[in-house]
Amino acid sequence: MLHAELKKWINVIIQNKGLNSLESVQAMLIVACYSGDRLLILSFATRMALDLGLHEAFEELTERLAVKNDENAYGAPDHDFEIERVLMRKSRTWFGLLVFRVDAVELNILRATINDTLGPETTLNRQGISDFVHEMKIDLDLWFDDWLRTIEGCIPAQQEKPYLLVALRVQKCWAEMMLNCKALRAMGVENVAAMTVTERHILLAAKAAARRHLRLIIVEPEFYLAKLKYAMDFVWAKCAFSFLLLLKLSRLLPEREGEHHELLEYGGTLLDELSKAGSNNHQSGAGNIYLQILKVSIEKYGRALQESQQPSTGGSSGTSPFWELFDAQADLQWFMPEQFVSEWDFPGLNLFYFPTAMQDFFGDFSLAM
């Protein structure tokens, strides 16, 4: 109902030139953030912005400020300040439009291509999916390198550069993580024990992206996590999901000794920083549910890890792989909170480990029956 109402009013604004205004451009920018027709809406917003002269606002603003400084006119009339505020709003809207068209649209186009190609109705076979993942990884690298050079070379953005670079790298990690997880889902692969070499390589790439994502946001939390107090629930969900995915993949596919304890330490840091951001968040319930999910999951992970390493009743140490334990799949099940699956459709939490030898045994047993 909301989408239909917004679409109706966007059509009214577009067809009635008398409604051209700064607020109309801002409204279309907001709607474009959540619409599948974002490119079309941005085109209309750009045309309206040009008709309103928003592209000239920043130059006019800087000229007025330069004149004021030269004349030391600190006691300027109030109406001058009002004009400057309007020019500032126009400038910010114009720059926001430019950034959204160049940055978010580029990345959103790549994301849309991934979603469409690796969706439920994909026509690609497993080799085709693997080739597509390789091609999209190249496209993501090109997008990232272009914006990395732009930010690094932007002298006016020196003060904001640390925040921009972290946000850029976080976006890339998230995109790579989603690309690889959705590829595995499109392949119909859920049992890690039955994966081919190519499929396992894709899984390890998803794990590596999740690990980079975690390190980015906790090493210098003031550049990213501290800003979550302003974020929507989706951003909180992304942070919690990426860590839970990493926890699960570390259980399914451990790569080195000490990895689990390191993750517990990182998880404690992440939880502390998110709690600080949550305590400054005055929006009702924003992020709280995901903070709680993260807290409970870290506690369960720690207990499961401790139990798996305790000596068994026979006196031997618990050094066997966790999936050889009787309750291994129950251990993995709590990595998949319903919110991530039903609300956000995040892939990857459905993976499990079932030894192929046991699978063959049960297959032979059913045939005998």
Protein backbone atom coordinates (compact mmCIF):
# COMPACT_ATOMS: atom_id res chain seq x y z
CA MET A 1 0.00 0.00 0.00
CA LEU A 2 2.85 2.38 0.83
CA HIS A 3 4.62 1.56 -2.44
CA ALA A 4 1.44 2.20 -4.45
CA GLU A 5 0.85 5.53 -2.68
CA LEU A 6 4.43 6.66 -3.26
CA LYS A 7 4.29 5.64 -6.91
CA LYS A 8 1.08 7.62 -7.38
CA TRP A 9 2.54 10.81 -5.91
CA ILE A 10 5.83 10.43 -7.82
CA ASN A 11 3.76 10.28 -11.03
CA VAL A 12 1.84 13.40 -9.96
CA ILE A 13 5.09 15.29 -9.31
CA ILE A 14 6.65 14.20 -12.59
CA GLN A 15 3.63 15.17 -14.69
CA ASN A 16 2.97 18.53 -13.00
CA LYS A 17 5.73 21.05 -13.55
CA GLY A 18 4.10 23.36 -11.04
CA LEU A 19 5.18 20.92 -8.31
CA ASN A 20 8.88 21.22 -9.17
CA SER A 21 10.65 22.04 -5.93
CA LEU A 22 13.64 21.22 -3.80
CA GLU A 23 11.43 19.02 -1.60
CA SER A 24 10.20 17.08 -4.64
CA VAL A 25 13.79 16.27 -5.64
CA GLN A 26 14.58 15.17 -2.08
CA ALA A 27 11.46 12.98 -2.01
CA MET A 28 12.45 11.24 -5.23
CA LEU A 29 15.94 10.61 -3.86
CA ILE A 30 14.48 8.88 -0.81
CA VAL A 31 12.05 6.80 -2.86
CA ALA A 32 14.86 5.80 -5.24
CA CYS A 33 16.74 4.23 -2.31
CA TYR A 34 14.05 1.56 -1.99
CA SER A 35 12.61 1.26 -5.49
CA GLY A 36 13.39 -1.19 -8.24
CA ASP A 37 12.86 1.70 -10.68
CA ARG A 38 15.62 3.74 -9.05
CA LEU A 39 17.40 4.61 -12.30
CA LEU A 40 14.22 5.99 -13.84
CA ILE A 41 13.34 7.97 -10.71
CA LEU A 42 16.88 9.37 -10.50
CA SER A 43 16.64 10.48 -14.12
CA PHE A 44 13.48 12.47 -13.35
CA ALA A 45 15.09 13.86 -10.17
CA THR A 46 18.16 14.97 -12.15
CA ARG A 47 16.04 16.71 -14.78
CA MET A 48 14.01 18.49 -12.10
CA ALA A 49 17.19 19.49 -10.23
CA LEU A 50 18.65 21.02 -13.40
CA ASP A 51 15.41 22.91 -14.09
CA LEU A 52 15.55 24.30 -10.55
CA GLY A 53 19.20 25.30 -10.93
CA LEU A 54 20.43 23.16 -8.03
CA HIS A 55 23.72 22.58 -9.85
CA GLU A 56 24.48 26.32 -9.53
CA ALA A 57 23.76 26.58 -5.80
CA PHE A 58 27.19 25.60 -4.49
CA GLU A 59 29.05 28.11 -6.65
CA GLU A 60 26.65 30.87 -5.56
CA LEU A 61 27.04 29.87 -1.92
CA THR A 62 30.86 29.90 -2.02
CA GLU A 63 30.83 33.31 -3.74
CA ARG A 64 28.58 34.78 -1.05
CA LEU A 65 30.76 33.38 1.73
CA ALA A 66 33.91 34.66 0.03
CA VAL A 67 32.46 38.17 -0.25
CA LYS A 68 31.36 38.08 3.39
CA ASN A 69 34.85 37.08 4.54
CA ASP A 70 36.55 39.71 2.40
CA GLU A 71 34.36 42.49 3.75
CA ASN A 72 34.37 41.12 7.33
CA ALA A 73 30.58 41.50 7.24
CA TYR A 74 29.92 39.59 10.44
CA GLY A 75 26.82 41.62 11.18
CA ALA A 76 24.99 40.69 8.01
CA PRO A 77 21.16 40.94 8.04
CA ASP A 78 19.19 37.87 9.03
CA HIS A 79 17.80 37.38 5.52
CA ASP A 80 21.35 36.71 4.27
CA PHE A 81 21.64 33.78 6.63
CA GLU A 82 18.33 32.40 5.42
CA ILE A 83 19.47 32.62 1.80
CA GLU A 84 22.67 30.78 2.72
CA ARG A 85 20.72 28.04 4.47
CA VAL A 86 18.58 27.53 1.36
CA LEU A 87 21.67 27.44 -0.85
CA MET A 88 23.25 24.90 1.50
CA ARG A 89 20.18 22.65 1.25
CA LYS A 90 20.21 22.91 -2.54
CA SER A 91 23.94 22.15 -2.69
CA ARG A 92 23.65 19.12 -0.41
CA THR A 93 20.72 17.77 -2.41
CA TRP A 94 22.61 18.21 -5.69
CA PHE A 95 25.76 16.52 -4.37
CA GLY A 96 23.65 13.75 -2.84
CA LEU A 97 22.03 13.19 -6.22
CA LEU A 98 25.43 12.99 -7.92
CA VAL A 99 26.86 10.56 -5.36
CA PHE A 100 23.78 8.36 -5.51
CA ARG A 101 23.84 8.23 -9.30
CA VAL A 102 27.54 7.43 -9.54
CA ASP A 103 28.25 5.35 -6.44
CA ALA A 104 25.12 3.72 -5.06
CA VAL A 105 23.63 3.17 -8.50
CA GLU A 106 26.79 1.52 -9.78
CA LEU A 107 26.92 -0.82 -6.81
CA ASN A 108 23.16 -1.37 -6.83
CA ILE A 109 23.32 -2.33 -10.49
CA LEU A 110 25.95 -4.95 -9.65
CA ARG A 111 23.82 -6.18 -6.73
CA ALA A 112 20.71 -6.32 -8.92
CA THR A 113 22.64 -8.32 -11.54
CA ILE A 114 23.74 -10.76 -8.84
CA ASN A 115 20.20 -11.13 -7.48
CA ASP A 116 18.65 -11.61 -10.91
CA THR A 117 21.30 -14.05 -12.17
CA LEU A 118 21.51 -16.15 -8.99
CA GLY A 119 17.81 -16.03 -8.15
CA PRO A 120 15.45 -19.01 -7.86
CA GLU A 121 14.82 -19.03 -11.62
CA THR A 122 18.47 -19.05 -12.68
CA THR A 123 19.23 -20.88 -15.93
CA LEU A 124 22.93 -21.29 -15.22
CA ASN A 125 24.47 -24.66 -14.44
CA ARG A 126 27.14 -25.04 -11.77
CA GLN A 127 29.99 -24.17 -14.13
CA GLY A 128 28.07 -21.17 -15.41
CA ILE A 129 27.51 -19.98 -11.84
CA SER A 130 31.20 -20.37 -11.07
CA ASP A 131 32.13 -18.35 -14.17
CA PHE A 132 29.58 -15.68 -13.23
CA VAL A 133 31.08 -15.37 -9.73
CA HIS A 134 34.52 -14.84 -11.27
CA GLU A 135 33.20 -12.14 -13.64
CA MET A 136 31.30 -10.32 -10.89
CA LYS A 137 34.37 -10.37 -8.66
CA ILE A 138 36.26 -8.52 -11.39
CA ASP A 139 33.44 -5.97 -11.72
CA LEU A 140 33.41 -5.39 -7.95
CA ASP A 141 37.19 -4.93 -7.95
CA LEU A 142 36.93 -2.35 -10.74
CA TRP A 143 34.16 -0.48 -8.90
CA PHE A 144 36.19 -0.51 -5.70
CA ASP A 145 39.45 0.59 -7.34
CA ASP A 146 37.75 3.50 -9.11
CA TRP A 147 36.26 4.84 -5.89
CA LEU A 148 39.41 4.16 -3.89
CA ARG A 149 41.39 6.37 -6.28
CA THR A 150 38.66 9.03 -6.21
CA ILE A 151 38.59 9.21 -2.40
CA GLU A 152 42.36 9.01 -1.98
CA GLY A 153 42.86 11.83 -4.48
CA CYS A 154 40.13 14.12 -3.15
CA ILE A 155 41.89 16.91 -1.25
CA PRO A 156 38.69 18.58 0.12
CA ALA A 157 37.64 15.23 1.67
CA GLN A 158 40.74 14.78 3.84
CA GLN A 159 38.79 15.07 7.09
CA GLU A 160 36.12 12.56 6.01
CA LYS A 161 38.56 10.21 4.26
CA PRO A 162 38.94 7.64 7.11
CA TYR A 163 35.16 7.24 7.37
CA LEU A 164 34.70 7.06 3.59
CA LEU A 165 37.42 4.45 3.12
CA VAL A 166 36.08 2.17 5.85
CA ALA A 167 32.54 2.46 4.47
CA LEU A 168 33.82 1.69 0.96
CA ARG A 169 35.71 -1.42 2.10
CA VAL A 170 32.77 -2.62 4.21
CA GLN A 171 30.47 -2.33 1.18
CA LYS A 172 32.89 -4.39 -0.92
CA CYS A 173 33.21 -7.11 1.72
CA TRP A 174 29.44 -7.34 2.06
CA ALA A 175 28.94 -7.53 -1.71
CA GLU A 176 31.53 -10.33 -2.05
CA MET A 177 30.04 -12.23 0.87
CA MET A 178 26.54 -12.07 -0.65
CA LEU A 179 27.85 -12.98 -4.11
CA ASN A 180 29.50 -16.20 -2.91
CA CYS A 181 26.69 -17.24 -0.56
CA LYS A 182 24.04 -16.69 -3.21
CA ALA A 183 26.14 -18.66 -5.69
CA LEU A 184 26.18 -21.66 -3.34
CA ARG A 185 22.43 -21.35 -2.83
CA ALA A 186 21.86 -21.20 -6.59
CA MET A 187 23.97 -24.36 -6.97
CA GLY A 188 21.73 -26.11 -4.47
CA VAL A 189 24.68 -26.88 -2.21
CA GLU A 190 24.02 -27.20 1.52
CA ASN A 191 26.16 -30.12 2.71
CA VAL A 192 29.74 -28.92 3.11
CA ALA A 193 31.03 -32.50 3.25
CA ALA A 194 29.72 -33.15 -0.28
CA MET A 195 31.12 -29.99 -1.90
CA THR A 196 33.39 -30.10 -4.92
CA VAL A 197 36.71 -28.27 -4.96
CA THR A 198 35.13 -25.32 -6.81
CA GLU A 199 32.21 -25.08 -4.40
CA ARG A 200 34.50 -25.23 -1.38
CA HIS A 201 36.61 -22.46 -2.91
CA ILE A 202 33.46 -20.28 -3.16
CA LEU A 203 32.62 -21.08 0.47
CA LEU A 204 36.13 -20.11 1.61
CA ALA A 205 35.84 -16.86 -0.37
CA ALA A 206 32.62 -16.05 1.53
CA LYS A 207 34.35 -16.82 4.82
CA ALA A 208 37.34 -14.62 3.92
CA ALA A 209 35.02 -11.72 3.04
CA ALA A 210 33.19 -12.12 6.35
CA ARG A 211 36.50 -12.12 8.22
CA ARG A 212 37.68 -8.95 6.45
CA HIS A 213 34.31 -7.34 7.21
CA LEU A 214 34.68 -8.12 10.91
CA ARG A 215 38.23 -6.81 11.18
CA LEU A 216 37.34 -3.62 9.34
CA ILE A 217 34.54 -2.64 11.66
CA ILE A 218 36.22 -3.50 14.98
CA VAL A 219 39.81 -2.30 14.42
CA GLU A 220 38.73 1.35 14.33
CA PRO A 221 35.13 1.30 15.56
CA GLU A 222 34.80 5.09 15.69
CA PHE A 223 34.86 5.15 11.88
CA TYR A 224 31.92 2.77 11.43
CA LEU A 225 30.32 1.10 14.46
CA ALA A 226 29.98 4.35 16.39
CA LYS A 227 27.79 5.69 13.55
CA LEU A 228 25.29 2.84 13.80
CA LYS A 229 23.26 4.90 16.24
CA TYR A 230 22.03 6.73 13.12
CA ALA A 231 21.51 3.57 11.05
CA MET A 232 18.40 1.66 10.02
CA ASP A 233 17.67 -1.86 11.28
CA PHE A 234 19.08 -3.33 8.06
CA VAL A 235 22.60 -2.13 8.90
CA TRP A 236 22.39 -3.63 12.38
CA ALA A 237 21.16 -6.87 10.83
CA LYS A 238 24.10 -6.90 8.39
CA CYS A 239 26.65 -6.56 11.20
CA ALA A 240 25.08 -9.32 13.27
CA PHE A 241 24.55 -11.63 10.30
CA SER A 242 28.08 -11.29 8.94
CA PHE A 243 29.53 -12.29 12.31
CA LEU A 244 27.13 -15.22 12.74
CA LEU A 245 27.98 -16.43 9.25
CA LEU A 246 31.67 -16.29 10.13
CA LEU A 247 31.03 -18.25 13.33
CA LYS A 248 29.17 -20.94 11.43
CA LEU A 249 31.74 -21.21 8.66
CA SER A 250 34.52 -21.45 11.22
CA ARG A 251 32.73 -24.49 12.67
CA LEU A 252 32.01 -26.02 9.28
CA LEU A 253 35.39 -25.32 7.73
CA PRO A 254 38.10 -24.49 10.31
CA GLU A 255 41.36 -23.41 8.73
CA ARG A 256 43.85 -23.02 11.57
CA GLU A 257 44.41 -23.65 15.23
CA GLY A 258 43.24 -20.88 17.53
CA GLU A 259 40.70 -19.57 15.02
CA HIS A 260 37.72 -20.20 17.32
CA HIS A 261 39.20 -18.44 20.34
CA GLU A 262 40.22 -15.48 18.18
CA LEU A 263 36.64 -15.21 16.92
CA LEU A 264 35.33 -15.21 20.48
CA GLU A 265 37.66 -12.33 21.31
CA TYR A 266 36.61 -10.41 18.21
CA GLY A 267 32.97 -11.13 19.00
CA GLY A 268 33.35 -9.64 22.46
CA THR A 269 34.81 -6.47 20.96
CA LEU A 270 32.02 -6.26 18.39
CA LEU A 271 29.37 -6.74 21.05
CA ASP A 272 30.89 -4.02 23.28
CA GLU A 273 31.06 -1.48 20.46
CA LEU A 274 27.54 -2.24 19.23
CA SER A 275 26.26 -1.94 22.79
CA LYS A 276 27.79 1.54 23.02
CA ALA A 277 26.12 2.56 19.77
CA GLY A 278 22.84 1.01 20.91
CA SER A 279 22.89 2.91 24.18
CA ASN A 280 22.98 6.17 22.18
CA ASN A 281 20.20 5.08 19.86
CA HIS A 282 16.89 6.71 20.73
CA GLN A 283 14.89 4.94 18.03
CA SER A 284 12.52 2.40 19.54
CA GLY A 285 13.87 -1.11 19.10
CA ALA A 286 16.35 -0.14 16.35
CA GLY A 287 19.10 -2.74 16.32
CA ASN A 288 18.21 -4.08 19.77
CA ILE A 289 16.95 -7.43 18.51
CA TYR A 290 20.09 -8.01 16.47
CA LEU A 291 22.27 -6.99 19.37
CA GLN A 292 20.50 -9.59 21.49
CA ILE A 293 20.86 -12.25 18.79
CA LEU A 294 24.56 -11.51 18.59
CA LYS A 295 25.00 -11.69 22.37
CA VAL A 296 23.19 -15.03 22.73
CA SER A 297 25.04 -16.53 19.75
CA ILE A 298 28.46 -15.58 21.11
CA GLU A 299 27.57 -17.11 24.47
CA LYS A 300 26.38 -20.35 22.85
CA TYR A 301 29.43 -20.48 20.62
CA GLY A 302 31.70 -20.14 23.63
CA ARG A 303 29.89 -22.90 25.52
CA ALA A 304 29.88 -25.24 22.52
CA LEU A 305 33.57 -24.64 21.97
CA GLN A 306 34.36 -25.30 25.62
CA GLU A 307 32.32 -28.52 25.68
CA SER A 308 33.89 -29.82 22.47
CA GLN A 309 37.37 -29.40 23.97
CA GLN A 310 36.65 -31.07 27.31
CA PRO A 311 38.06 -34.58 27.88
CA SER A 312 35.60 -37.35 27.13
CA THR A 313 34.39 -39.88 29.72
CA GLY A 314 36.96 -42.36 28.44
CA GLY A 315 39.76 -40.02 29.38
CA SER A 316 40.75 -38.87 25.87
CA SER A 317 40.75 -35.21 25.05
CA GLY A 318 37.99 -33.81 22.91
CA THR A 319 40.08 -33.11 19.82
CA SER A 320 37.73 -34.73 17.27
CA PRO A 321 36.09 -32.50 14.67
CA PHE A 322 32.92 -31.04 16.08
CA TRP A 323 30.71 -32.68 13.44
CA GLU A 324 31.65 -36.11 14.83
CA LEU A 325 29.84 -35.19 18.04
CA PHE A 326 26.33 -36.60 18.47
CA ASP A 327 24.65 -33.19 18.64
CA ALA A 328 26.72 -31.52 15.92
CA GLN A 329 23.79 -30.45 13.75
CA ALA A 330 21.93 -29.08 16.77
CA ASP A 331 25.10 -27.12 17.50
CA LEU A 332 24.88 -25.55 14.04
CA GLN A 333 21.16 -24.90 14.05
CA TRP A 334 21.26 -21.90 16.39
CA PHE A 335 23.37 -20.00 13.86
CA MET A 336 20.21 -19.42 11.82
CA PRO A 337 17.88 -16.97 13.60
CA GLU A 338 14.54 -16.60 11.83
CA GLN A 339 14.94 -12.83 11.39
CA PHE A 340 17.83 -13.24 8.96
CA VAL A 341 16.02 -15.80 6.84
CA SER A 342 12.41 -14.57 6.82
CA GLU A 343 12.93 -10.79 7.02
CA TRP A 344 16.12 -10.20 5.05
CA ASP A 345 16.62 -13.41 3.03
CA PHE A 346 20.32 -13.57 3.91
CA PRO A 347 21.89 -16.72 2.40
CA GLY A 348 24.46 -19.07 3.91
CA LEU A 349 23.05 -19.92 7.33
CA ASN A 350 21.39 -23.11 6.00
CA LEU A 351 24.73 -24.86 5.43
CA PHE A 352 25.43 -28.04 7.39
CA TYR A 353 27.99 -30.86 7.59
CA PHE A 354 26.90 -34.45 7.08
CA PRO A 355 29.73 -36.94 6.39
CA THR A 356 29.28 -38.53 2.98
CA ALA A 357 30.20 -41.96 4.35
CA MET A 358 27.18 -41.83 6.69
CA GLN A 359 25.06 -40.52 3.84
CA ASP A 360 26.02 -43.55 1.73
CA PHE A 361 25.32 -45.84 4.67
CA PHE A 362 21.79 -44.51 5.13
CA GLY A 363 21.23 -44.68 1.37
CA ASP A 364 22.23 -48.34 1.28
CA PHE A 365 20.11 -49.04 4.36
CA SER A 366 17.00 -47.54 2.76
CA LEU A 367 17.55 -49.58 -0.39
CA ALA A 368 17.76 -52.77 1.66
CA MET A 369 14.47 -51.96 3.34
